[in-house]
């Protein structure tokens, strides 16, 4: 187990360093005025995001590892520990799925405190704010294996079939109201609405009809709270991404 952990630490460190240099090279290639800042901001956002996933997994007594591959990062149980993860309640798995974007909110708060202490220029703070807002928004789209997709699957599997449509449309109306405002403002586009609505529809219509009877499923009384938390996070990401100057 100790050897596996050291291998995991080595992989995480090596891939994080590699990711930094890739970001730096790409930023330089496109003529960025400060490629080092862009590389650091992107790398830190990714590292903190994945560390929060890792902490959430480890908090459940499951040894974990993480890696980075340019714009893709991952945190997962160590080899041989996957069965323990699958035995977790869906609420605990939902916490793990949403832990990553919590890390992006932490980066935003840290950048704000640094700017208030004059350790970070305000314009750089706005760029970090926008970058992490974009990452939060895109990570939480209810698609495929993204964090939002994994969370939405757990939520709709837990909700009974006769309630799926109600939750789908309630969540869609809330998100549409926020994004339409930002589209008018000129910062987001209808592609964001399409990705959210299509993903939500797919998750609601392809959920496990027997999932609500699974002993690991979310408690009925918690469905609304989980849906509200998810909406709050993705709408916050959309608003942050929509009202701040482009980080590039």
C-alpha atoms as a PDB file:
ATOM      1  CA  UNK A   1       0.000   0.000   0.000  1.00  0.00           C
ATOM      2  CA  UNK A   2       2.830   2.429   0.917  1.00  0.00           C
ATOM      3  CA  UNK A   3       4.573   1.685  -2.371  1.00  0.00           C
ATOM      4  CA  UNK A   4       1.328   2.357  -4.274  1.00  0.00           C
ATOM      5  CA  UNK A   5       0.967   5.675  -2.477  1.00  0.00           C
ATOM      6  CA  UNK A   6       4.507   6.754  -3.356  1.00  0.00           C
ATOM      7  CA  UNK A   7       3.926   5.773  -6.962  1.00  0.00           C
ATOM      8  CA  UNK A   8       0.725   7.840  -6.884  1.00  0.00           C
ATOM      9  CA  UNK A   9       2.531  10.866  -5.409  1.00  0.00           C
ATOM     10  CA  UNK A  10       5.246  10.575  -8.048  1.00  0.00           C
ATOM     11  CA  UNK A  11       2.719  10.393 -10.884  1.00  0.00           C
ATOM     12  CA  UNK A  12       0.761  13.357  -9.506  1.00  0.00           C
ATOM     13  CA  UNK A  13       3.875  15.521  -9.104  1.00  0.00           C
ATOM     14  CA  UNK A  14       5.370  14.617 -12.484  1.00  0.00           C
ATOM     15  CA  UNK A  15       2.124  15.148 -14.398  1.00  0.00           C
ATOM     16  CA  UNK A  16       1.423  18.432 -12.574  1.00  0.00           C
ATOM     17  CA  UNK A  17       4.866  19.782 -13.527  1.00  0.00           C
ATOM     18  CA  UNK A  18       4.392  18.571 -17.097  1.00  0.00           C
ATOM     19  CA  UNK A  19       0.983  20.272 -17.233  1.00  0.00           C
ATOM     20  CA  UNK A  20       2.494  23.574 -16.083  1.00  0.00           C
ATOM     21  CA  UNK A  21       5.101  23.537 -18.855  1.00  0.00           C
ATOM     22  CA  UNK A  22       2.508  22.563 -21.471  1.00  0.00           C
ATOM     23  CA  UNK A  23       0.291  25.477 -20.405  1.00  0.00           C
ATOM     24  CA  UNK A  24       3.317  27.792 -20.448  1.00  0.00           C
ATOM     25  CA  UNK A  25       4.316  26.656 -23.946  1.00  0.00           C
ATOM     26  CA  UNK A  26       0.782  27.033 -25.330  1.00  0.00           C
ATOM     27  CA  UNK A  27       0.364  30.485 -23.770  1.00  0.00           C
ATOM     28  CA  UNK A  28       3.707  31.581 -25.227  1.00  0.00           C
ATOM     29  CA  UNK A  29       2.828  30.115 -28.614  1.00  0.00           C
ATOM     30  CA  UNK A  30      -0.331  32.226 -28.757  1.00  0.00           C
ATOM     31  CA  UNK A  31       1.541  35.372 -27.762  1.00  0.00           C
ATOM     32  CA  UNK A  32       0.241  35.819 -24.204  1.00  0.00           C
ATOM     33  CA  UNK A  33       1.819  38.808 -22.469  1.00  0.00           C
ATOM     34  CA  UNK A  34       2.342  36.836 -19.261  1.00  0.00           C
ATOM     35  CA  UNK A  35       2.438  33.101 -20.057  1.00  0.00           C
ATOM     36  CA  UNK A  36       3.830  32.278 -16.620  1.00  0.00           C
ATOM     37  CA  UNK A  37       0.756  33.753 -14.903  1.00  0.00           C
ATOM     38  CA  UNK A  38      -1.602  31.792 -17.162  1.00  0.00           C
ATOM     39  CA  UNK A  39       0.322  28.558 -16.591  1.00  0.00           C
ATOM     40  CA  UNK A  40       0.370  29.027 -12.819  1.00  0.00           C
ATOM     41  CA  UNK A  41      -3.323  30.018 -12.630  1.00  0.00           C
ATOM     42  CA  UNK A  42      -4.432  27.007 -14.692  1.00  0.00           C
ATOM     43  CA  UNK A  43      -2.177  24.541 -12.905  1.00  0.00           C
ATOM     44  CA  UNK A  44      -3.160  25.718  -9.421  1.00  0.00           C
ATOM     45  CA  UNK A  45      -6.878  25.607 -10.312  1.00  0.00           C
ATOM     46  CA  UNK A  46      -6.512  22.026 -11.559  1.00  0.00           C
ATOM     47  CA  UNK A  47      -4.377  20.855  -8.634  1.00  0.00           C
ATOM     48  CA  UNK A  48      -6.709  22.264  -5.966  1.00  0.00           C
ATOM     49  CA  UNK A  49      -9.729  20.852  -7.808  1.00  0.00           C
ATOM     50  CA  UNK A  50      -8.285  17.333  -7.851  1.00  0.00           C
ATOM     51  CA  UNK A  51      -6.895  17.578  -4.311  1.00  0.00           C
ATOM     52  CA  UNK A  52     -10.422  18.258  -3.041  1.00  0.00           C
ATOM     53  CA  UNK A  53     -11.676  15.147  -4.847  1.00  0.00           C
ATOM     54  CA  UNK A  54      -8.794  13.188  -3.316  1.00  0.00           C
ATOM     55  CA  UNK A  55      -9.488  14.507   0.197  1.00  0.00           C
ATOM     56  CA  UNK A  56     -13.169  13.601  -0.123  1.00  0.00           C
ATOM     57  CA  UNK A  57     -12.285  10.054  -1.204  1.00  0.00           C
ATOM     58  CA  UNK A  58      -9.693   9.638   1.554  1.00  0.00           C
ATOM     59  CA  UNK A  59     -12.166  10.993   4.145  1.00  0.00           C
ATOM     60  CA  UNK A  60     -14.213   7.862   3.485  1.00  0.00           C
ATOM     61  CA  UNK A  61     -11.277   5.632   4.381  1.00  0.00           C
ATOM     62  CA  UNK A  62     -10.327   4.878   0.781  1.00  0.00           C
ATOM     63  CA  UNK A  63      -6.671   5.444  -0.244  1.00  0.00           C
ATOM     64  CA  UNK A  64      -6.619   7.546  -3.417  1.00  0.00           C
ATOM     65  CA  UNK A  65      -4.338   8.959  -6.096  1.00  0.00           C
ATOM     66  CA  UNK A  66      -4.521  11.719  -8.687  1.00  0.00           C
ATOM     67  CA  UNK A  67      -2.964  12.627 -12.025  1.00  0.00           C
ATOM     68  CA  UNK A  68      -2.955  15.475 -14.547  1.00  0.00           C
ATOM     69  CA  UNK A  69      -2.937  15.402 -18.332  1.00  0.00           C
ATOM     70  CA  UNK A  70      -2.984  18.975 -19.664  1.00  0.00           C
ATOM     71  CA  UNK A  71      -6.654  20.037 -19.401  1.00  0.00           C
ATOM     72  CA  UNK A  72      -7.710  16.727 -17.853  1.00  0.00           C
ATOM     73  CA  UNK A  73      -7.160  15.737 -14.261  1.00  0.00           C
ATOM     74  CA  UNK A  74      -8.382  12.843 -12.173  1.00  0.00           C
ATOM     75  CA  UNK A  75      -8.599  11.598  -8.612  1.00  0.00           C
ATOM     76  CA  UNK A  76      -9.534   7.990  -7.948  1.00  0.00           C
ATOM     77  CA  UNK A  77      -9.123   5.137  -5.471  1.00  0.00           C
ATOM     78  CA  UNK A  78      -5.815   3.317  -5.547  1.00  0.00           C
ATOM     79  CA  UNK A  79      -5.708   0.124  -7.566  1.00  0.00           C
ATOM     80  CA  UNK A  80      -7.606  -2.546  -5.661  1.00  0.00           C
ATOM     81  CA  UNK A  81      -9.688  -0.048  -3.670  1.00  0.00           C
ATOM     82  CA  UNK A  82     -12.422   0.504  -6.258  1.00  0.00           C
ATOM     83  CA  UNK A  83     -14.834  -1.938  -4.595  1.00  0.00           C
ATOM     84  CA  UNK A  84     -14.796   0.162  -1.410  1.00  0.00           C
ATOM     85  CA  UNK A  85     -15.789   3.236  -3.420  1.00  0.00           C
ATOM     86  CA  UNK A  86     -18.704   1.428  -5.048  1.00  0.00           C
ATOM     87  CA  UNK A  87     -20.023   0.466  -1.608  1.00  0.00           C
ATOM     88  CA  UNK A  88     -20.300   4.095  -0.504  1.00  0.00           C
ATOM     89  CA  UNK A  89     -23.767   5.593  -0.230  1.00  0.00           C
ATOM     90  CA  UNK A  90     -24.750   7.744  -3.190  1.00  0.00           C
ATOM     91  CA  UNK A  91     -24.805  10.799  -0.944  1.00  0.00           C
ATOM     92  CA  UNK A  92     -21.151  10.229  -0.079  1.00  0.00           C
ATOM     93  CA  UNK A  93     -20.366   9.707  -3.769  1.00  0.00           C
ATOM     94  CA  UNK A  94     -22.217  12.967  -4.523  1.00  0.00           C
ATOM     95  CA  UNK A  95     -20.007  14.785  -2.008  1.00  0.00           C
ATOM     96  CA  UNK A  96     -16.935  13.413  -3.786  1.00  0.00           C
ATOM     97  CA  UNK A  97     -18.323  14.464  -7.196  1.00  0.00           C
ATOM     98  CA  UNK A  98     -18.940  18.052  -6.051  1.00  0.00           C
ATOM     99  CA  UNK A  99     -15.752  18.365  -3.993  1.00  0.00           C
ATOM    100  CA  UNK A 100     -13.656  19.391  -7.007  1.00  0.00           C
ATOM    101  CA  UNK A 101     -15.578  22.570  -7.809  1.00  0.00           C
ATOM    102  CA  UNK A 102     -15.542  23.367  -4.092  1.00  0.00           C
ATOM    103  CA  UNK A 103     -11.783  23.569  -4.596  1.00  0.00           C
ATOM    104  CA  UNK A 104     -12.289  26.138  -7.355  1.00  0.00           C
ATOM    105  CA  UNK A 105     -14.378  28.252  -4.985  1.00  0.00           C
ATOM    106  CA  UNK A 106     -11.531  27.988  -2.473  1.00  0.00           C
ATOM    107  CA  UNK A 107      -9.098  29.240  -5.146  1.00  0.00           C
ATOM    108  CA  UNK A 108     -11.406  32.206  -5.790  1.00  0.00           C
ATOM    109  CA  UNK A 109     -11.612  33.027  -2.087  1.00  0.00           C
ATOM    110  CA  UNK A 110      -7.834  32.702  -1.683  1.00  0.00           C
ATOM    111  CA  UNK A 111      -7.233  34.972  -4.687  1.00  0.00           C
ATOM    112  CA  UNK A 112      -9.659  37.528  -3.236  1.00  0.00           C
ATOM    113  CA  UNK A 113      -7.823  37.552   0.109  1.00  0.00           C
ATOM    114  CA  UNK A 114      -4.477  37.929  -1.680  1.00  0.00           C
ATOM    115  CA  UNK A 115      -5.818  40.855  -3.707  1.00  0.00           C
ATOM    116  CA  UNK A 116      -7.175  42.508  -0.568  1.00  0.00           C
ATOM    117  CA  UNK A 117      -3.743  42.127   1.033  1.00  0.00           C
ATOM    118  CA  UNK A 118      -2.105  43.681  -2.050  1.00  0.00           C
ATOM    119  CA  UNK A 119      -0.238  40.484  -2.891  1.00  0.00           C
ATOM    120  CA  UNK A 120      -2.209  40.107  -6.119  1.00  0.00           C
ATOM    121  CA  UNK A 121      -3.160  42.807  -8.618  1.00  0.00           C
ATOM    122  CA  UNK A 122      -6.910  43.338  -8.917  1.00  0.00           C
ATOM    123  CA  UNK A 123      -6.873  42.661 -12.672  1.00  0.00           C
ATOM    124  CA  UNK A 124      -5.108  39.353 -12.029  1.00  0.00           C
ATOM    125  CA  UNK A 125      -7.721  38.523  -9.388  1.00  0.00           C
ATOM    126  CA  UNK A 126     -10.466  39.111 -11.977  1.00  0.00           C
ATOM    127  CA  UNK A 127      -8.701  36.765 -14.404  1.00  0.00           C
ATOM    128  CA  UNK A 128      -8.443  34.052 -11.747  1.00  0.00           C
ATOM    129  CA  UNK A 129     -12.108  34.668 -10.901  1.00  0.00           C
ATOM    130  CA  UNK A 130     -13.142  34.215 -14.528  1.00  0.00           C
ATOM    131  CA  UNK A 131     -10.930  31.164 -15.078  1.00  0.00           C
ATOM    132  CA  UNK A 132     -12.335  29.318 -12.088  1.00  0.00           C
ATOM    133  CA  UNK A 133     -15.879  30.377 -12.931  1.00  0.00           C
ATOM    134  CA  UNK A 134     -15.447  28.830 -16.375  1.00  0.00           C
ATOM    135  CA  UNK A 135     -14.005  25.642 -14.849  1.00  0.00           C
ATOM    136  CA  UNK A 136     -16.883  25.395 -12.353  1.00  0.00           C
ATOM    137  CA  UNK A 137     -19.495  25.890 -15.080  1.00  0.00           C
ATOM    138  CA  UNK A 138     -18.026  23.357 -17.505  1.00  0.00           C
ATOM    139  CA  UNK A 139     -17.228  20.780 -14.820  1.00  0.00           C
ATOM    140  CA  UNK A 140     -20.817  20.816 -13.613  1.00  0.00           C
ATOM    141  CA  UNK A 141     -22.585  20.319 -16.934  1.00  0.00           C
ATOM    142  CA  UNK A 142     -24.576  17.068 -16.447  1.00  0.00           C
ATOM    143  CA  UNK A 143     -22.654  15.229 -19.153  1.00  0.00           C
ATOM    144  CA  UNK A 144     -20.741  11.983 -19.525  1.00  0.00           C
ATOM    145  CA  UNK A 145     -18.075  11.409 -16.821  1.00  0.00           C
ATOM    146  CA  UNK A 146     -17.719  15.074 -15.850  1.00  0.00           C
ATOM    147  CA  UNK A 147     -18.377  15.925 -12.216  1.00  0.00           C
ATOM    148  CA  UNK A 148     -21.832  17.246 -13.060  1.00  0.00           C
ATOM    149  CA  UNK A 149     -22.628  14.115 -15.052  1.00  0.00           C
ATOM    150  CA  UNK A 150     -21.627  11.830 -12.197  1.00  0.00           C
ATOM    151  CA  UNK A 151     -23.641  13.885  -9.729  1.00  0.00           C
ATOM    152  CA  UNK A 152     -26.739  14.079 -11.952  1.00  0.00           C
ATOM    153  CA  UNK A 153     -26.656  10.314 -12.453  1.00  0.00           C
ATOM    154  CA  UNK A 154     -26.644   9.751  -8.690  1.00  0.00           C
ATOM    155  CA  UNK A 155     -29.461  12.257  -8.195  1.00  0.00           C
ATOM    156  CA  UNK A 156     -31.798  10.967 -10.902  1.00  0.00           C
ATOM    157  CA  UNK A 157     -31.098   7.340 -10.011  1.00  0.00           C
ATOM    158  CA  UNK A 158     -32.265   8.188  -6.492  1.00  0.00           C
ATOM    159  CA  UNK A 159     -35.395  10.078  -7.578  1.00  0.00           C
ATOM    160  CA  UNK A 160     -38.472   7.986  -8.357  1.00  0.00           C
ATOM    161  CA  UNK A 161     -39.568   7.798 -11.987  1.00  0.00           C
ATOM    162  CA  UNK A 162     -42.749   9.816 -11.413  1.00  0.00           C
ATOM    163  CA  UNK A 163     -40.669  12.718 -10.030  1.00  0.00           C
ATOM    164  CA  UNK A 164     -37.884  12.810 -12.639  1.00  0.00           C
ATOM    165  CA  UNK A 165     -39.681  15.197 -14.984  1.00  0.00           C
ATOM    166  CA  UNK A 166     -40.594  17.598 -12.190  1.00  0.00           C
ATOM    167  CA  UNK A 167     -36.992  17.850 -11.022  1.00  0.00           C
ATOM    168  CA  UNK A 168     -35.673  18.127 -14.581  1.00  0.00           C
ATOM    169  CA  UNK A 169     -37.887  21.071 -15.495  1.00  0.00           C
ATOM    170  CA  UNK A 170     -37.512  22.835 -12.153  1.00  0.00           C
ATOM    171  CA  UNK A 171     -33.718  22.735 -12.484  1.00  0.00           C
ATOM    172  CA  UNK A 172     -33.857  23.734 -16.140  1.00  0.00           C
ATOM    173  CA  UNK A 173     -36.078  26.773 -15.494  1.00  0.00           C
ATOM    174  CA  UNK A 174     -33.720  28.050 -12.796  1.00  0.00           C
ATOM    175  CA  UNK A 175     -30.624  27.631 -14.954  1.00  0.00           C
ATOM    176  CA  UNK A 176     -32.297  29.132 -18.033  1.00  0.00           C
ATOM    177  CA  UNK A 177     -33.334  32.231 -16.077  1.00  0.00           C
ATOM    178  CA  UNK A 178     -29.732  32.837 -15.014  1.00  0.00           C
ATOM    179  CA  UNK A 179     -28.079  32.093 -18.372  1.00  0.00           C
ATOM    180  CA  UNK A 180     -30.593  34.011 -20.500  1.00  0.00           C
ATOM    181  CA  UNK A 181     -29.768  37.081 -18.412  1.00  0.00           C
ATOM    182  CA  UNK A 182     -26.057  36.498 -19.035  1.00  0.00           C
ATOM    183  CA  UNK A 183     -26.656  35.928 -22.757  1.00  0.00           C
ATOM    184  CA  UNK A 184     -28.362  39.311 -22.908  1.00  0.00           C
ATOM    185  CA  UNK A 185     -25.389  40.704 -21.023  1.00  0.00           C
ATOM    186  CA  UNK A 186     -23.272  39.240 -23.808  1.00  0.00           C
ATOM    187  CA  UNK A 187     -20.968  36.871 -21.952  1.00  0.00           C
ATOM    188  CA  UNK A 188     -22.515  33.417 -22.393  1.00  0.00           C
ATOM    189  CA  UNK A 189     -24.215  31.761 -25.356  1.00  0.00           C
ATOM    190  CA  UNK A 190     -27.056  29.409 -26.179  1.00  0.00           C
ATOM    191  CA  UNK A 191     -24.539  26.552 -26.374  1.00  0.00           C
ATOM    192  CA  UNK A 192     -24.421  26.654 -22.569  1.00  0.00           C
ATOM    193  CA  UNK A 193     -28.202  26.294 -22.391  1.00  0.00           C
ATOM    194  CA  UNK A 194     -28.157  23.447 -24.891  1.00  0.00           C
ATOM    195  CA  UNK A 195     -25.456  21.499 -23.058  1.00  0.00           C
ATOM    196  CA  UNK A 196     -27.230  21.827 -19.722  1.00  0.00           C
ATOM    197  CA  UNK A 197     -30.722  21.033 -21.035  1.00  0.00           C
ATOM    198  CA  UNK A 198     -29.581  18.118 -23.200  1.00  0.00           C
ATOM    199  CA  UNK A 199     -27.461  16.646 -20.413  1.00  0.00           C
ATOM    200  CA  UNK A 200     -30.241  17.012 -17.861  1.00  0.00           C
ATOM    201  CA  UNK A 201     -32.770  15.407 -20.206  1.00  0.00           C
ATOM    202  CA  UNK A 202     -30.427  12.514 -20.963  1.00  0.00           C
ATOM    203  CA  UNK A 203     -29.698  11.866 -17.286  1.00  0.00           C
ATOM    204  CA  UNK A 204     -33.398  11.976 -16.360  1.00  0.00           C
ATOM    205  CA  UNK A 205     -34.441   9.649 -19.180  1.00  0.00           C
ATOM    206  CA  UNK A 206     -31.574   7.153 -18.819  1.00  0.00           C
ATOM    207  CA  UNK A 207     -31.574   6.729 -15.057  1.00  0.00           C
ATOM    208  CA  UNK A 208     -32.077   3.418 -13.280  1.00  0.00           C
ATOM    209  CA  UNK A 209     -35.843   3.011 -12.667  1.00  0.00           C
ATOM    210  CA  UNK A 210     -35.064   0.762  -9.701  1.00  0.00           C
ATOM    211  CA  UNK A 211     -32.404   3.080  -8.297  1.00  0.00           C
ATOM    212  CA  UNK A 212     -34.716   4.711  -5.799  1.00  0.00           C
ATOM    213  CA  UNK A 213     -35.050   1.332  -4.043  1.00  0.00           C
ATOM    214  CA  UNK A 214     -31.297   0.844  -3.772  1.00  0.00           C
ATOM    215  CA  UNK A 215     -30.213   1.000  -0.096  1.00  0.00           C
ATOM    216  CA  UNK A 216     -27.330   3.280  -1.135  1.00  0.00           C
ATOM    217  CA  UNK A 217     -29.615   5.870  -2.801  1.00  0.00           C
ATOM    218  CA  UNK A 218     -30.071   9.412  -1.525  1.00  0.00           C
ATOM    219  CA  UNK A 219     -32.753   9.886   1.112  1.00  0.00           C
ATOM    220  CA  UNK A 220     -36.070  11.108  -0.299  1.00  0.00           C
ATOM    221  CA  UNK A 221     -36.021  14.091   2.042  1.00  0.00           C
ATOM    222  CA  UNK A 222     -32.593  15.117   0.706  1.00  0.00           C
ATOM    223  CA  UNK A 223     -33.390  15.197  -3.033  1.00  0.00           C
ATOM    224  CA  UNK A 224     -34.436  18.856  -3.048  1.00  0.00           C
ATOM    225  CA  UNK A 225     -31.401  19.902  -1.040  1.00  0.00           C
ATOM    226  CA  UNK A 226     -29.000  18.109  -3.353  1.00  0.00           C
ATOM    227  CA  UNK A 227     -30.692  19.553  -6.445  1.00  0.00           C
ATOM    228  CA  UNK A 228     -30.591  23.048  -4.899  1.00  0.00           C
ATOM    229  CA  UNK A 229     -26.904  22.734  -3.988  1.00  0.00           C
ATOM    230  CA  UNK A 230     -26.022  21.592  -7.497  1.00  0.00           C
ATOM    231  CA  UNK A 231     -28.014  24.449  -9.059  1.00  0.00           C
ATOM    232  CA  UNK A 232     -26.426  26.968  -6.715  1.00  0.00           C
ATOM    233  CA  UNK A 233     -22.944  25.811  -7.702  1.00  0.00           C
ATOM    234  CA  UNK A 234     -23.467  25.700 -11.476  1.00  0.00           C
ATOM    235  CA  UNK A 235     -25.370  29.012 -11.510  1.00  0.00           C
ATOM    236  CA  UNK A 236     -22.599  30.610  -9.432  1.00  0.00           C
ATOM    237  CA  UNK A 237     -20.068  29.351 -11.969  1.00  0.00           C
ATOM    238  CA  UNK A 238     -22.163  30.740 -14.839  1.00  0.00           C
ATOM    239  CA  UNK A 239     -22.538  34.136 -13.153  1.00  0.00           C
ATOM    240  CA  UNK A 240     -18.829  34.382 -12.314  1.00  0.00           C
ATOM    241  CA  UNK A 241     -17.846  33.359 -15.847  1.00  0.00           C
ATOM    242  CA  UNK A 242     -20.444  35.688 -17.335  1.00  0.00           C
ATOM    243  CA  UNK A 243     -19.732  38.948 -15.528  1.00  0.00           C
ATOM    244  CA  UNK A 244     -15.930  38.923 -15.312  1.00  0.00           C
ATOM    245  CA  UNK A 245     -13.390  39.809 -18.034  1.00  0.00           C
ATOM    246  CA  UNK A 246     -12.050  36.902 -20.070  1.00  0.00           C
ATOM    247  CA  UNK A 247      -9.062  35.380 -18.268  1.00  0.00           C
ATOM    248  CA  UNK A 248      -7.129  35.009 -21.538  1.00  0.00           C
END
